[in-house]
Amino acid sequence: GTDWPHSWETIESNFQGVPEDEKFKILAGN
């Protein structure tokens, strides 16, 4: 199920229009 080593590419395609603070919470902060 992994997208390694292109995880950021998948993330960017799914997170279009998501504010940076919300993106950070989901991807690292929580």
Full PDB file with SEQRES, HELIX, SHEET, SSBOND, CRYST1, ORIGX, SCALE, CONECT and MASTER records, all heavy atoms in Angstrom:
SEQRES   1 A   30  GLY THR ASP TRP PRO HIS SER TRP GLU THR ILE GLU SER          
SEQRES   2 A   30  ASN PHE GLN GLY VAL PRO GLU ASP GLU LYS PHE LYS ILE          
SEQRES   3 A   30  LEU ALA GLY ASN                                              
HELIX    1 AA1 SER A    7  ASN A   14  1                                   8    
HELIX    2 AA2 GLU A   20  PHE A   24  1                                   5    
HELIX    3 AA3 LYS A   25  GLY A   29  3                                   5    
CRYST1    1.000    1.000    1.000  90.00  90.00  90.00 P 1           1          
ORIGX1      1.000000  0.000000  0.000000        0.00000                         
ORIGX2      0.000000  1.000000  0.000000        0.00000                         
ORIGX3      0.000000  0.000000  1.000000        0.00000                         
SCALE1      1.000000  0.000000  0.000000        0.00000                         
SCALE2      0.000000  1.000000  0.000000        0.00000                         
SCALE3      0.000000  0.000000  1.000000        0.00000                         
ATOM      1  N   GLY A   1       0.782  -1.227   0.000  1.00  0.00           N  
ATOM      2  CA  GLY A   1       0.000   0.000   0.000  1.00  0.00           C  
ATOM      3  C   GLY A   1       0.814   1.277   0.000  1.00  0.00           C  
ATOM      4  O   GLY A   1       0.249   2.365  -0.113  1.00  0.00           O  
ATOM      5  N   THR A   2       2.129   1.168   0.110  1.00  0.00           N  
ATOM      6  CA  THR A   2       2.953   2.370   0.233  1.00  0.00           C  
ATOM      7  C   THR A   2       3.179   3.074  -1.106  1.00  0.00           C  
ATOM      8  O   THR A   2       3.174   2.435  -2.162  1.00  0.00           O  
ATOM      9  CB  THR A   2       4.314   2.027   0.862  1.00  0.00           C  
ATOM     10  OG1 THR A   2       5.038   3.233   1.130  1.00  0.00           O  
ATOM     11  CG2 THR A   2       5.145   1.146  -0.063  1.00  0.00           C  
ATOM     12  N   ASP A   3       3.372   4.386  -1.040  1.00  0.00           N  
ATOM     13  CA  ASP A   3       3.758   5.174  -2.215  1.00  0.00           C  
ATOM     14  C   ASP A   3       5.235   5.557  -2.166  1.00  0.00           C  
ATOM     15  O   ASP A   3       5.687   6.382  -2.963  1.00  0.00           O  
ATOM     16  CB  ASP A   3       2.902   6.445  -2.314  1.00  0.00           C  
ATOM     17  CG  ASP A   3       1.496   6.156  -2.785  1.00  0.00           C  
ATOM     18  OD1 ASP A   3       1.329   5.328  -3.692  1.00  0.00           O  
ATOM     19  OD2 ASP A   3       0.552   6.739  -2.227  1.00  0.00           O  
ATOM     20  N   TRP A   4       5.989   5.004  -1.216  1.00  0.00           N  
ATOM     21  CA  TRP A   4       7.413   5.288  -1.122  1.00  0.00           C  
ATOM     22  C   TRP A   4       8.079   5.052  -2.476  1.00  0.00           C  
ATOM     23  O   TRP A   4       7.749   4.067  -3.158  1.00  0.00           O  
ATOM     24  CB  TRP A   4       8.057   4.366  -0.080  1.00  0.00           C  
ATOM     25  CG  TRP A   4       9.542   4.508  -0.019  1.00  0.00           C  
ATOM     26  CD1 TRP A   4      10.249   5.385   0.730  1.00  0.00           C  
ATOM     27  CD2 TRP A   4      10.513   3.749  -0.769  1.00  0.00           C  
ATOM     28  NE1 TRP A   4      11.597   5.232   0.495  1.00  0.00           N  
ATOM     29  CE2 TRP A   4      11.783   4.236  -0.432  1.00  0.00           C  
ATOM     30  CE3 TRP A   4      10.426   2.726  -1.704  1.00  0.00           C  
ATOM     31  CZ2 TRP A   4      12.958   3.720  -0.978  1.00  0.00           C  
ATOM     32  CZ3 TRP A   4      11.587   2.206  -2.268  1.00  0.00           C  
ATOM     33  CH2 TRP A   4      12.849   2.713  -1.905  1.00  0.00           C  
ATOM     34  N   PRO A   5       9.019   5.889  -2.863  1.00  0.00           N  
ATOM     35  CA  PRO A   5       9.502   7.107  -2.192  1.00  0.00           C  
ATOM     36  C   PRO A   5       8.817   8.379  -2.685  1.00  0.00           C  
ATOM     37  O   PRO A   5       9.415   9.439  -2.697  1.00  0.00           O  
ATOM     38  CB  PRO A   5      10.980   7.108  -2.576  1.00  0.00           C  
ATOM     39  CG  PRO A   5      10.974   6.552  -3.982  1.00  0.00           C  
ATOM     40  CD  PRO A   5       9.867   5.536  -4.019  1.00  0.00           C  
ATOM     41  N   HIS A   6       7.550   8.242  -3.081  1.00  0.00           N  
ATOM     42  CA  HIS A   6       6.816   9.373  -3.664  1.00  0.00           C  
ATOM     43  C   HIS A   6       5.618   9.774  -2.809  1.00  0.00           C  
ATOM     44  O   HIS A   6       4.600  10.229  -3.332  1.00  0.00           O  
ATOM     45  CB  HIS A   6       6.359   9.019  -5.077  1.00  0.00           C  
ATOM     46  CG  HIS A   6       7.459   8.540  -5.980  1.00  0.00           C  
ATOM     47  ND1 HIS A   6       8.487   9.371  -6.375  1.00  0.00           N  
ATOM     48  CD2 HIS A   6       7.704   7.322  -6.512  1.00  0.00           C  
ATOM     49  CE1 HIS A   6       9.316   8.681  -7.149  1.00  0.00           C  
ATOM     50  NE2 HIS A   6       8.857   7.433  -7.245  1.00  0.00           N  
ATOM     51  N   SER A   7       5.734   9.606  -1.496  1.00  0.00           N  
ATOM     52  CA  SER A   7       4.593   9.897  -0.631  1.00  0.00           C  
ATOM     53  C   SER A   7       4.143  11.345  -0.742  1.00  0.00           C  
ATOM     54  O   SER A   7       2.942  11.637  -0.753  1.00  0.00           O  
ATOM     55  CB  SER A   7       4.944   9.570   0.824  1.00  0.00           C  
ATOM     56  OG  SER A   7       5.099   8.173   1.000  1.00  0.00           O  
ATOM     57  N   TRP A   8       5.109  12.268  -0.841  1.00  0.00           N  
ATOM     58  CA  TRP A   8       4.740  13.682  -0.911  1.00  0.00           C  
ATOM     59  C   TRP A   8       3.943  13.990  -2.184  1.00  0.00           C  
ATOM     60  O   TRP A   8       3.075  14.868  -2.186  1.00  0.00           O  
ATOM     61  CB  TRP A   8       5.971  14.579  -0.815  1.00  0.00           C  
ATOM     62  CG  TRP A   8       6.302  14.996   0.586  1.00  0.00           C  
ATOM     63  CD1 TRP A   8       7.342  14.565   1.354  1.00  0.00           C  
ATOM     64  CD2 TRP A   8       5.579  15.939   1.393  1.00  0.00           C  
ATOM     65  NE1 TRP A   8       7.317  15.163   2.596  1.00  0.00           N  
ATOM     66  CE2 TRP A   8       6.247  16.016   2.644  1.00  0.00           C  
ATOM     67  CE3 TRP A   8       4.438  16.706   1.190  1.00  0.00           C  
ATOM     68  CZ2 TRP A   8       5.812  16.843   3.674  1.00  0.00           C  
ATOM     69  CZ3 TRP A   8       3.996  17.532   2.225  1.00  0.00           C  
ATOM     70  CH2 TRP A   8       4.677  17.587   3.447  1.00  0.00           C  
ATOM     71  N   GLU A   9       4.226  13.292  -3.272  1.00  0.00           N  
ATOM     72  CA  GLU A   9       3.479  13.527  -4.502  1.00  0.00           C  
ATOM     73  C   GLU A   9       2.012  13.159  -4.323  1.00  0.00           C  
ATOM     74  O   GLU A   9       1.104  13.892  -4.742  1.00  0.00           O  
ATOM     75  CB  GLU A   9       4.091  12.718  -5.646  1.00  0.00           C  
ATOM     76  CG  GLU A   9       5.491  13.173  -6.023  1.00  0.00           C  
ATOM     77  CD  GLU A   9       6.101  12.309  -7.104  1.00  0.00           C  
ATOM     78  OE1 GLU A   9       5.325  11.636  -7.839  1.00  0.00           O  
ATOM     79  OE2 GLU A   9       7.333  12.286  -7.221  1.00  0.00           O  
ATOM     80  N   THR A  10       1.756  12.019  -3.688  1.00  0.00           N  
ATOM     81  CA  THR A  10       0.371  11.612  -3.418  1.00  0.00           C  
ATOM     82  C   THR A  10      -0.288  12.581  -2.456  1.00  0.00           C  
ATOM     83  O   THR A  10      -1.457  12.973  -2.635  1.00  0.00           O  
ATOM     84  CB  THR A  10       0.339  10.194  -2.832  1.00  0.00           C  
ATOM     85  OG1 THR A  10       0.937   9.290  -3.768  1.00  0.00           O  
ATOM     86  CG2 THR A  10      -1.087   9.753  -2.542  1.00  0.00           C  
ATOM     87  N   ILE A  11       0.445  12.987  -1.429  1.00  0.00           N  
ATOM     88  CA  ILE A  11      -0.095  13.926  -0.445  1.00  0.00           C  
ATOM     89  C   ILE A  11      -0.500  15.233  -1.114  1.00  0.00           C  
ATOM     90  O   ILE A  11      -1.597  15.738  -0.900  1.00  0.00           O  
ATOM     91  CB  ILE A  11       0.943  14.175   0.667  1.00  0.00           C  
ATOM     92  CG1 ILE A  11       1.054  12.934   1.563  1.00  0.00           C  
ATOM     93  CG2 ILE A  11       0.575  15.406   1.492  1.00  0.00           C  
ATOM     94  CD1 ILE A  11       2.250  12.955   2.493  1.00  0.00           C  
ATOM     95  N   GLU A  12       0.377  15.776  -1.936  1.00  0.00           N  
ATOM     96  CA  GLU A  12       0.084  17.060  -2.572  1.00  0.00           C  
ATOM     97  C   GLU A  12      -1.146  16.970  -3.468  1.00  0.00           C  
ATOM     98  O   GLU A  12      -1.946  17.902  -3.547  1.00  0.00           O  
ATOM     99  CB  GLU A  12       1.294  17.553  -3.369  1.00  0.00           C  
ATOM    100  CG  GLU A  12       2.526  17.866  -2.523  1.00  0.00           C  
ATOM    101  CD  GLU A  12       2.332  19.053  -1.579  1.00  0.00           C  
ATOM    102  OE1 GLU A  12       1.248  19.655  -1.578  1.00  0.00           O  
ATOM    103  OE2 GLU A  12       3.277  19.368  -0.839  1.00  0.00           O  
ATOM    104  N   SER A  13      -1.322  15.841  -4.141  1.00  0.00           N  
ATOM    105  CA  SER A  13      -2.491  15.699  -5.005  1.00  0.00           C  
ATOM    106  C   SER A  13      -3.776  15.598  -4.203  1.00  0.00           C  
ATOM    107  O   SER A  13      -4.845  16.015  -4.675  1.00  0.00           O  
ATOM    108  CB  SER A  13      -2.340  14.467  -5.903  1.00  0.00           C  
ATOM    109  OG  SER A  13      -2.409  13.266  -5.148  1.00  0.00           O  
ATOM    110  N   ASN A  14      -3.686  15.065  -2.977  1.00  0.00           N  
ATOM    111  CA  ASN A  14      -4.869  14.919  -2.125  1.00  0.00           C  
ATOM    112  C   ASN A  14      -5.147  16.143  -1.263  1.00  0.00           C  
ATOM    113  O   ASN A  14      -6.254  16.281  -0.740  1.00  0.00           O  
ATOM    114  CB  ASN A  14      -4.723  13.701  -1.208  1.00  0.00           C  
ATOM    115  CG  ASN A  14      -4.813  12.393  -1.960  1.00  0.00           C  
ATOM    116  OD1 ASN A  14      -5.395  12.319  -3.036  1.00  0.00           O  
ATOM    117  ND2 ASN A  14      -4.227  11.345  -1.400  1.00  0.00           N  
ATOM    118  N   PHE A  15      -4.153  16.999  -1.085  1.00  0.00           N  
ATOM    119  CA  PHE A  15      -4.283  18.123  -0.158  1.00  0.00           C  
ATOM    120  C   PHE A  15      -4.402  19.472  -0.868  1.00  0.00           C  
ATOM    121  O   PHE A  15      -4.166  20.508  -0.255  1.00  0.00           O  
ATOM    122  CB  PHE A  15      -3.081  18.160   0.796  1.00  0.00           C  
ATOM    123  CG  PHE A  15      -3.214  17.250   1.987  1.00  0.00           C  
ATOM    124  CD1 PHE A  15      -3.067  15.883   1.851  1.00  0.00           C  
ATOM    125  CD2 PHE A  15      -3.505  17.761   3.243  1.00  0.00           C  
ATOM    126  CE1 PHE A  15      -3.189  15.039   2.939  1.00  0.00           C  
ATOM    127  CE2 PHE A  15      -3.625  16.934   4.343  1.00  0.00           C  
ATOM    128  CZ  PHE A  15      -3.477  15.555   4.194  1.00  0.00           C  
ATOM    129  N   GLN A  16      -4.788  19.456  -2.098  1.00  0.00           N  
ATOM    130  CA  GLN A  16      -4.939  20.722  -2.800  1.00  0.00           C  
ATOM    131  C   GLN A  16      -6.005  21.577  -2.117  1.00  0.00           C  
ATOM    132  O   GLN A  16      -7.108  21.126  -1.854  1.00  0.00           O  
ATOM    133  CB  GLN A  16      -5.330  20.472  -4.260  1.00  0.00           C  
ATOM    134  CG  GLN A  16      -4.237  19.812  -5.076  1.00  0.00           C  
ATOM    135  CD  GLN A  16      -4.615  19.625  -6.536  1.00  0.00           C  
ATOM    136  OE1 GLN A  16      -5.467  20.338  -7.056  1.00  0.00           O  
ATOM    137  NE2 GLN A  16      -3.980  18.669  -7.189  1.00  0.00           N  
ATOM    138  N   GLY A  17      -5.636  22.828  -1.825  1.00  0.00           N  
ATOM    139  CA  GLY A  17      -6.562  23.741  -1.175  1.00  0.00           C  
ATOM    140  C   GLY A  17      -6.646  23.615   0.329  1.00  0.00           C  
ATOM    141  O   GLY A  17      -7.362  24.383   0.980  1.00  0.00           O  
ATOM    142  N   VAL A  18      -5.925  22.672   0.923  1.00  0.00           N  
ATOM    143  CA  VAL A  18      -5.935  22.506   2.378  1.00  0.00           C  
ATOM    144  C   VAL A  18      -4.965  23.504   2.993  1.00  0.00           C  
ATOM    145  O   VAL A  18      -3.792  23.552   2.607  1.00  0.00           O  
ATOM    146  CB  VAL A  18      -5.540  21.067   2.774  1.00  0.00           C  
ATOM    147  CG1 VAL A  18      -5.477  20.931   4.291  1.00  0.00           C  
ATOM    148  CG2 VAL A  18      -6.531  20.066   2.183  1.00  0.00           C  
ATOM    149  N   PRO A  19      -5.407  24.318   3.963  1.00  0.00           N  
ATOM    150  CA  PRO A  19      -4.504  25.288   4.594  1.00  0.00           C  
ATOM    151  C   PRO A  19      -3.289  24.603   5.217  1.00  0.00           C  
ATOM    152  O   PRO A  19      -3.367  23.455   5.676  1.00  0.00           O  
ATOM    153  CB  PRO A  19      -5.383  25.939   5.670  1.00  0.00           C  
ATOM    154  CG  PRO A  19      -6.782  25.751   5.174  1.00  0.00           C  
ATOM    155  CD  PRO A  19      -6.784  24.427   4.475  1.00  0.00           C  
ATOM    156  N   GLU A  20      -2.177  25.320   5.250  1.00  0.00           N  
ATOM    157  CA  GLU A  20      -0.925  24.723   5.724  1.00  0.00           C  
ATOM    158  C   GLU A  20      -1.005  24.247   7.159  1.00  0.00           C  
ATOM    159  O   GLU A  20      -0.423  23.218   7.512  1.00  0.00           O  
ATOM    160  CB  GLU A  20       0.221  25.722   5.555  1.00  0.00           C  
ATOM    161  CG  GLU A  20       0.648  25.938   4.116  1.00  0.00           C  
ATOM    162  CD  GLU A  20       1.125  24.652   3.455  1.00  0.00           C  
ATOM    163  OE1 GLU A  20       1.948  23.939   4.062  1.00  0.00           O  
ATOM    164  OE2 GLU A  20       0.662  24.357   2.338  1.00  0.00           O  
ATOM    165  N   ASP A  21      -1.702  24.984   8.033  1.00  0.00           N  
ATOM    166  CA  ASP A  21      -1.775  24.560   9.426  1.00  0.00           C  
ATOM    167  C   ASP A  21      -2.561  23.263   9.569  1.00  0.00           C  
ATOM    168  O   ASP A  21      -2.231  22.400  10.393  1.00  0.00           O  
ATOM    169  CB  ASP A  21      -2.375  25.664  10.308  1.00  0.00           C  
ATOM    170  CG  ASP A  21      -3.791  26.037   9.901  1.00  0.00           C  
ATOM    171  OD1 ASP A  21      -4.131  25.937   8.702  1.00  0.00           O  
ATOM    172  OD2 ASP A  21      -4.572  26.428  10.792  1.00  0.00           O  
ATOM    173  N   GLU A  22      -3.585  23.076   8.745  1.00  0.00           N  
ATOM    174  CA  GLU A  22      -4.366  21.844   8.791  1.00  0.00           C  
ATOM    175  C   GLU A  22      -3.564  20.681   8.219  1.00  0.00           C  
ATOM    176  O   GLU A  22      -3.601  19.558   8.732  1.00  0.00           O  
ATOM    177  CB  GLU A  22      -5.673  22.023   8.023  1.00  0.00           C  
ATOM    178  CG  GLU A  22      -6.602  23.068   8.647  1.00  0.00           C  
ATOM    179  CD  GLU A  22      -7.911  23.200   7.897  1.00  0.00           C  
ATOM    180  OE1 GLU A  22      -8.138  22.446   6.935  1.00  0.00           O  
ATOM    181  OE2 GLU A  22      -8.723  24.069   8.291  1.00  0.00           O  
ATOM    182  N   LYS A  23      -2.822  20.957   7.146  1.00  0.00           N  
ATOM    183  CA  LYS A  23      -1.968  19.934   6.552  1.00  0.00           C  
ATOM    184  C   LYS A  23      -0.937  19.443   7.571  1.00  0.00           C  
ATOM    185  O   LYS A  23      -0.708  18.232   7.707  1.00  0.00           O  
ATOM    186  CB  LYS A  23      -1.264  20.500   5.313  1.00  0.00           C  
ATOM    187  CG  LYS A  23      -0.388  19.489   4.588  1.00  0.00           C  
ATOM    188  CD  LYS A  23       0.453  20.140   3.498  1.00  0.00           C  
ATOM    189  CE  LYS A  23      -0.392  20.707   2.386  1.00  0.00           C  
ATOM    190  NZ  LYS A  23       0.468  21.199   1.264  1.00  0.00           N  
ATOM    191  N   PHE A  24      -0.336  20.381   8.286  1.00  0.00           N  
ATOM    192  CA  PHE A  24       0.677  20.008   9.266  1.00  0.00           C  
ATOM    193  C   PHE A  24       0.099  19.113  10.365  1.00  0.00           C  
ATOM    194  O   PHE A  24       0.715  18.126  10.773  1.00  0.00           O  
ATOM    195  CB  PHE A  24       1.302  21.255   9.886  1.00  0.00           C  
ATOM    196  CG  PHE A  24       2.261  20.946  11.005  1.00  0.00           C  
ATOM    197  CD1 PHE A  24       3.520  20.443  10.740  1.00  0.00           C  
ATOM    198  CD2 PHE A  24       1.892  21.123  12.330  1.00  0.00           C  
ATOM    199  CE1 PHE A  24       4.407  20.131  11.758  1.00  0.00           C  
ATOM    200  CE2 PHE A  24       2.756  20.816  13.363  1.00  0.00           C  
ATOM    201  CZ  PHE A  24       4.025  20.318  13.072  1.00  0.00           C  
ATOM    202  N   LYS A  25      -1.097  19.444  10.847  1.00  0.00           N  
ATOM    203  CA  LYS A  25      -1.717  18.628  11.897  1.00  0.00           C  
ATOM    204  C   LYS A  25      -1.859  17.174  11.453  1.00  0.00           C  
ATOM    205  O   LYS A  25      -1.503  16.250  12.181  1.00  0.00           O  
ATOM    206  CB  LYS A  25      -3.093  19.184  12.257  1.00  0.00           C  
ATOM    207  CG  LYS A  25      -3.081  20.382  13.163  1.00  0.00           C  
ATOM    208  CD  LYS A  25      -4.514  20.767  13.550  1.00  0.00           C  
ATOM    209  CE  LYS A  25      -4.528  21.955  14.497  1.00  0.00           C  
ATOM    210  NZ  LYS A  25      -5.921  22.299  14.897  1.00  0.00           N  
ATOM    211  N   ILE A  26      -2.392  16.985  10.269  1.00  0.00           N  
ATOM    212  CA  ILE A  26      -2.686  15.632   9.793  1.00  0.00           C  
ATOM    213  C   ILE A  26      -1.415  14.866   9.470  1.00  0.00           C  
ATOM    214  O   ILE A  26      -1.320  13.658   9.724  1.00  0.00           O  
ATOM    215  CB  ILE A  26      -3.612  15.710   8.562  1.00  0.00           C  
ATOM    216  CG1 ILE A  26      -4.972  16.309   8.955  1.00  0.00           C  
ATOM    217  CG2 ILE A  26      -3.796  14.333   7.929  1.00  0.00           C  
ATOM    218  CD1 ILE A  26      -5.866  16.639   7.775  1.00  0.00           C  
ATOM    219  N   LEU A  27      -0.432  15.527   8.919  1.00  0.00           N  
ATOM    220  CA  LEU A  27       0.773  14.857   8.422  1.00  0.00           C  
ATOM    221  C   LEU A  27       1.883  14.728   9.460  1.00  0.00           C  
ATOM    222  O   LEU A  27       2.807  13.937   9.260  1.00  0.00           O  
ATOM    223  CB  LEU A  27       1.304  15.597   7.202  1.00  0.00           C  
ATOM    224  CG  LEU A  27       0.346  15.685   6.006  1.00  0.00           C  
ATOM    225  CD1 LEU A  27       0.969  16.508   4.892  1.00  0.00           C  
ATOM    226  CD2 LEU A  27      -0.029  14.292   5.499  1.00  0.00           C  
ATOM    227  N   ALA A  28       1.804  15.493  10.538  1.00  0.00           N  
ATOM    228  CA  ALA A  28       2.882  15.429  11.534  1.00  0.00           C  
ATOM    229  C   ALA A  28       2.428  15.824  12.932  1.00  0.00           C  
ATOM    230  O   ALA A  28       2.768  15.149  13.911  1.00  0.00           O  
ATOM    231  CB  ALA A  28       4.050  16.320  11.102  1.00  0.00           C  
ATOM    232  N   GLY A  29       1.689  16.915  13.065  1.00  0.00           N  
ATOM    233  CA  GLY A  29       1.416  17.485  14.381  1.00  0.00           C  
ATOM    234  C   GLY A  29       0.648  16.579  15.311  1.00  0.00           C  
ATOM    235  O   GLY A  29       0.993  16.448  16.499  1.00  0.00           O  
ATOM    236  N   ASN A  30      -0.414  15.943  14.826  1.00  0.00           N  
ATOM    237  CA  ASN A  30      -1.208  15.068  15.691  1.00  0.00           C  
ATOM    238  C   ASN A  30      -0.380  13.889  16.180  1.00  0.00           C  
ATOM    239  O   ASN A  30      -0.440  13.514  17.357  1.00  0.00           O  
ATOM    240  CB  ASN A  30      -2.451  14.561  14.946  1.00  0.00           C  
ATOM    241  CG  ASN A  30      -3.424  15.669  14.608  1.00  0.00           C  
ATOM    242  OD1 ASN A  30      -3.478  16.695  15.288  1.00  0.00           O  
ATOM    243  ND2 ASN A  30      -4.206  15.474  13.552  1.00  0.00           N  
TER     244      ASN A  30                                                      
MASTER        0    0    0    3    0    0    0    6  243    1    0    3          
END                                                                             
